[in-house]
């Protein structure tokens, strides 16, 4: 069974609705959805570590290396472009700066995700890395990736660990999934995303 956890740094509800990515809008209206709230550091590395460790992590900066045994969600999945280190960790690895364009990154992530069987944890960092003044072209490229994943996956979770709106980082992100959020009337916490992913992998 193919289960995909796709995290998109900087994906904001405000910019998302302004840019109107069609496939994602369709999923927004047909799948489970919610609001992710990041109650800790808005740096990508501790944000992702909270998800993969499935408990709150508060620190700053990128990790030098990753101990897979300490991150339960990672041991069950293929990793693609996870910004827990700089350059990112997994089958795709890019520096967390402006040196790699969004088309190149998203193309490599698509290829790796669709090639992998079983469980995949993948990241797209372009919105967080580049903080473009007009992000709609990146949203459209991400939208094509989301469509491809939704068509191929048995279960998926699309989320953002933080948003970027008008070039500024905000603590709220998106949650769109084949799986309901953990608490129907509450925001989604980062560590709950990792738990939801593992439940999908286990078929629970």
Protein backbone atom coordinates (compact mmCIF):
# COMPACT_ATOMS: atom_id res chain seq x y z
CA UNK A 1 0.00 0.00 0.00
CA UNK A 2 1.36 3.42 -0.95
CA UNK A 3 1.11 5.99 1.83
CA UNK A 4 2.62 9.45 1.28
CA UNK A 5 3.31 12.18 3.83
CA UNK A 6 4.07 15.35 1.86
CA UNK A 7 5.24 18.36 3.83
CA UNK A 8 5.52 21.72 2.09
CA UNK A 9 7.44 24.34 4.03
CA UNK A 10 5.74 27.73 3.78
CA UNK A 11 2.41 26.54 2.32
CA UNK A 12 -0.07 29.12 3.62
CA UNK A 13 -3.87 29.05 3.51
CA UNK A 14 -3.89 32.73 2.59
CA UNK A 15 -1.55 32.39 -0.39
CA UNK A 16 -3.08 29.03 -1.32
CA UNK A 17 -6.53 30.56 -1.71
CA UNK A 18 -5.15 33.56 -3.60
CA UNK A 19 -3.17 31.42 -6.07
CA UNK A 20 -6.06 28.92 -6.56
CA UNK A 21 -4.19 25.66 -7.30
CA UNK A 22 -6.96 23.61 -8.91
CA UNK A 23 -6.15 20.04 -7.84
CA UNK A 24 -5.46 21.10 -4.27
CA UNK A 25 -8.69 23.13 -4.17
CA UNK A 26 -10.59 20.03 -5.29
CA UNK A 27 -8.99 18.01 -2.51
CA UNK A 28 -9.65 20.83 -0.07
CA UNK A 29 -13.36 20.49 -0.81
CA UNK A 30 -13.48 16.68 -0.89
CA UNK A 31 -10.89 15.37 1.60
CA UNK A 32 -10.40 15.90 5.33
CA UNK A 33 -8.86 19.27 6.11
CA UNK A 34 -7.74 21.35 9.03
CA UNK A 35 -5.24 23.92 10.24
CA UNK A 36 -1.76 22.95 11.43
CA UNK A 37 -0.46 25.07 14.31
CA UNK A 38 3.25 25.22 15.09
CA UNK A 39 3.60 25.98 18.79
CA UNK A 40 7.40 25.75 18.82
CA UNK A 41 10.23 27.02 16.65
CA UNK A 42 9.29 28.06 13.12
CA UNK A 43 12.65 26.82 11.83
CA UNK A 44 12.15 23.89 9.42
CA UNK A 45 14.45 21.43 11.19
CA UNK A 46 12.86 21.32 14.68
CA UNK A 47 9.44 21.56 13.05
CA UNK A 48 10.12 18.41 11.03
CA UNK A 49 11.80 16.71 13.98
CA UNK A 50 8.61 17.22 16.01
CA UNK A 51 6.72 15.34 13.28
CA UNK A 52 9.24 12.52 12.92
CA UNK A 53 9.86 12.14 16.65
CA UNK A 54 6.11 12.41 17.33
CA UNK A 55 6.60 14.74 20.27
CA UNK A 56 7.29 18.47 20.67
CA UNK A 57 10.84 19.59 19.89
CA UNK A 58 12.07 23.08 20.73
CA UNK A 59 15.47 24.10 19.42
CA UNK A 60 16.98 26.18 16.63
CA UNK A 61 19.05 25.37 13.56
CA UNK A 62 19.61 22.30 11.41
CA UNK A 63 20.85 18.98 12.75
CA UNK A 64 24.36 17.95 11.68
CA UNK A 65 23.22 14.35 11.17
CA UNK A 66 20.15 12.18 11.71
CA UNK A 67 19.82 9.16 13.99
CA UNK A 68 17.12 7.15 12.26
CA UNK A 69 16.60 4.91 15.29
CA UNK A 70 15.50 7.89 17.38
CA UNK A 71 12.86 8.98 14.86
CA UNK A 72 10.15 6.27 14.73
CA UNK A 73 8.27 7.69 11.73
CA UNK A 74 11.45 7.56 9.63
CA UNK A 75 12.17 3.86 10.13
CA UNK A 76 8.94 2.91 8.33
CA UNK A 77 9.35 5.05 5.21
CA UNK A 78 11.46 6.15 2.26
CA UNK A 79 12.71 9.69 2.91
CA UNK A 80 12.77 12.31 0.18
CA UNK A 81 14.14 15.84 0.66
CA UNK A 82 13.47 16.28 4.40
CA UNK A 83 14.80 19.64 5.71
CA UNK A 84 15.89 18.32 9.08
CA UNK A 85 19.49 18.76 7.91
CA UNK A 86 21.06 21.19 5.43
CA UNK A 87 21.33 19.94 2.72
CA UNK A 88 18.09 18.04 3.11
CA UNK A 89 17.96 14.35 4.08
CA UNK A 90 16.82 11.50 1.84
CA UNK A 91 16.81 10.36 -1.78
CA UNK A 92 16.66 14.00 -2.89
CA UNK A 93 19.02 16.40 -1.16
CA UNK A 94 19.15 20.15 -1.80
CA UNK A 95 20.73 23.04 0.13
CA UNK A 96 18.28 25.13 2.14
CA UNK A 97 19.12 28.32 0.26
CA UNK A 98 18.35 29.89 -3.10
CA UNK A 99 20.76 27.81 -5.17
CA UNK A 100 18.19 25.26 -6.45
CA UNK A 101 15.11 26.44 -8.34
CA UNK A 102 11.64 25.23 -7.48
CA UNK A 103 11.11 23.38 -10.77
CA UNK A 104 14.25 21.29 -10.28
CA UNK A 105 13.41 20.47 -6.68
CA UNK A 106 9.77 19.55 -7.32
CA UNK A 107 10.68 17.47 -10.38
CA UNK A 108 13.21 15.44 -8.37
CA UNK A 109 10.76 14.98 -5.49
CA UNK A 110 8.02 13.81 -7.88
CA UNK A 111 10.31 11.26 -9.50
CA UNK A 112 11.48 9.86 -6.15
CA UNK A 113 7.99 9.69 -4.60
CA UNK A 114 6.36 8.01 -7.59
CA UNK A 115 9.25 5.56 -7.95
CA UNK A 116 9.03 4.42 -4.31
CA UNK A 117 6.71 1.71 -3.08
CA UNK A 118 5.09 1.59 0.32
CA UNK A 119 5.45 4.51 2.73
CA UNK A 120 7.11 7.77 1.70
CA UNK A 121 7.87 10.92 3.68
CA UNK A 122 8.71 13.78 1.32
CA UNK A 123 9.34 17.48 1.62
CA UNK A 124 9.17 20.47 -0.71
CA UNK A 125 11.18 23.41 0.57
CA UNK A 126 10.91 26.00 -2.22
CA UNK A 127 8.36 28.29 -0.56
CA UNK A 128 10.29 28.26 2.71
CA UNK A 129 13.73 28.61 1.08
CA UNK A 130 12.94 31.19 -1.54
CA UNK A 131 10.14 33.25 0.09
CA UNK A 132 9.11 34.66 -3.32
CA UNK A 133 7.22 37.94 -3.59
CA UNK A 134 4.79 36.24 -5.99
CA UNK A 135 4.58 32.56 -5.01
CA UNK A 136 1.76 31.51 -7.36
CA UNK A 137 4.05 29.85 -9.91
CA UNK A 138 5.45 27.67 -7.12
CA UNK A 139 1.95 26.88 -5.87
CA UNK A 140 0.98 25.74 -9.37
CA UNK A 141 4.04 23.47 -9.60
CA UNK A 142 3.27 22.01 -6.17
CA UNK A 143 -0.33 21.54 -7.26
CA UNK A 144 0.77 19.24 -10.11
CA UNK A 145 2.83 17.22 -7.64
CA UNK A 146 -0.12 16.95 -5.24
CA UNK A 147 -2.37 15.75 -8.09
CA UNK A 148 0.11 13.05 -9.11
CA UNK A 149 0.47 11.85 -5.53
CA UNK A 150 -3.27 11.85 -4.85
CA UNK A 151 -3.84 9.72 -7.95
CA UNK A 152 -1.19 7.17 -6.96
CA UNK A 153 -1.46 6.97 -3.16
CA UNK A 154 -3.86 4.85 -1.14
CA UNK A 155 -3.51 7.34 1.71
CA UNK A 156 -1.82 10.72 1.78
CA UNK A 157 -1.31 13.65 4.12
CA UNK A 158 -0.48 17.08 2.66
CA UNK A 159 0.61 19.51 5.36
CA UNK A 160 2.82 22.49 6.02
CA UNK A 161 4.77 22.83 9.30
CA UNK A 162 4.52 26.61 8.97
CA UNK A 163 3.23 29.11 6.44
CA UNK A 164 4.88 31.96 4.56
CA UNK A 165 2.60 34.86 3.71
CA UNK A 166 3.80 38.12 2.16
CA UNK A 167 7.36 36.89 2.74
CA UNK A 168 6.84 36.44 6.48
CA UNK A 169 6.78 33.12 8.34
CA UNK A 170 3.58 32.36 10.26
CA UNK A 171 2.77 29.56 12.71
CA UNK A 172 -0.27 28.25 10.79
CA UNK A 173 -0.17 25.74 7.94
CA UNK A 174 -2.46 23.47 5.93
CA UNK A 175 -3.70 19.93 6.54
CA UNK A 176 -5.44 18.08 3.69
CA UNK A 177 -5.65 14.31 3.87
CA UNK A 178 -7.50 11.07 3.24
CA UNK A 179 -7.33 10.75 7.03
CA UNK A 180 -9.30 12.92 9.46
CA UNK A 181 -7.40 15.22 11.76
CA UNK A 182 -6.82 13.73 15.22
CA UNK A 183 -9.27 16.10 16.97
CA UNK A 184 -12.24 17.04 14.82
CA UNK A 185 -12.75 20.51 16.32
CA UNK A 186 -9.14 21.40 17.09
CA UNK A 187 -6.00 22.44 15.24
CA UNK A 188 -3.47 19.81 14.18
CA UNK A 189 -0.22 19.71 16.16
CA UNK A 190 3.02 18.77 14.41
CA UNK A 191 3.61 15.58 16.42
CA UNK A 192 0.06 14.42 15.63
CA UNK A 193 0.96 14.40 11.92
CA UNK A 194 3.64 11.77 12.50
CA UNK A 195 1.21 9.63 14.49
CA UNK A 196 -1.46 9.92 11.78
CA UNK A 197 1.05 8.86 9.15
CA UNK A 198 2.14 5.79 11.09
CA UNK A 199 -1.48 4.77 11.66
CA UNK A 200 -2.03 4.92 7.90
CA UNK A 201 1.10 2.84 7.26
CA UNK A 202 -0.13 0.22 9.73
CA UNK A 203 -3.63 0.27 8.26
CA UNK A 204 -5.19 1.38 11.56
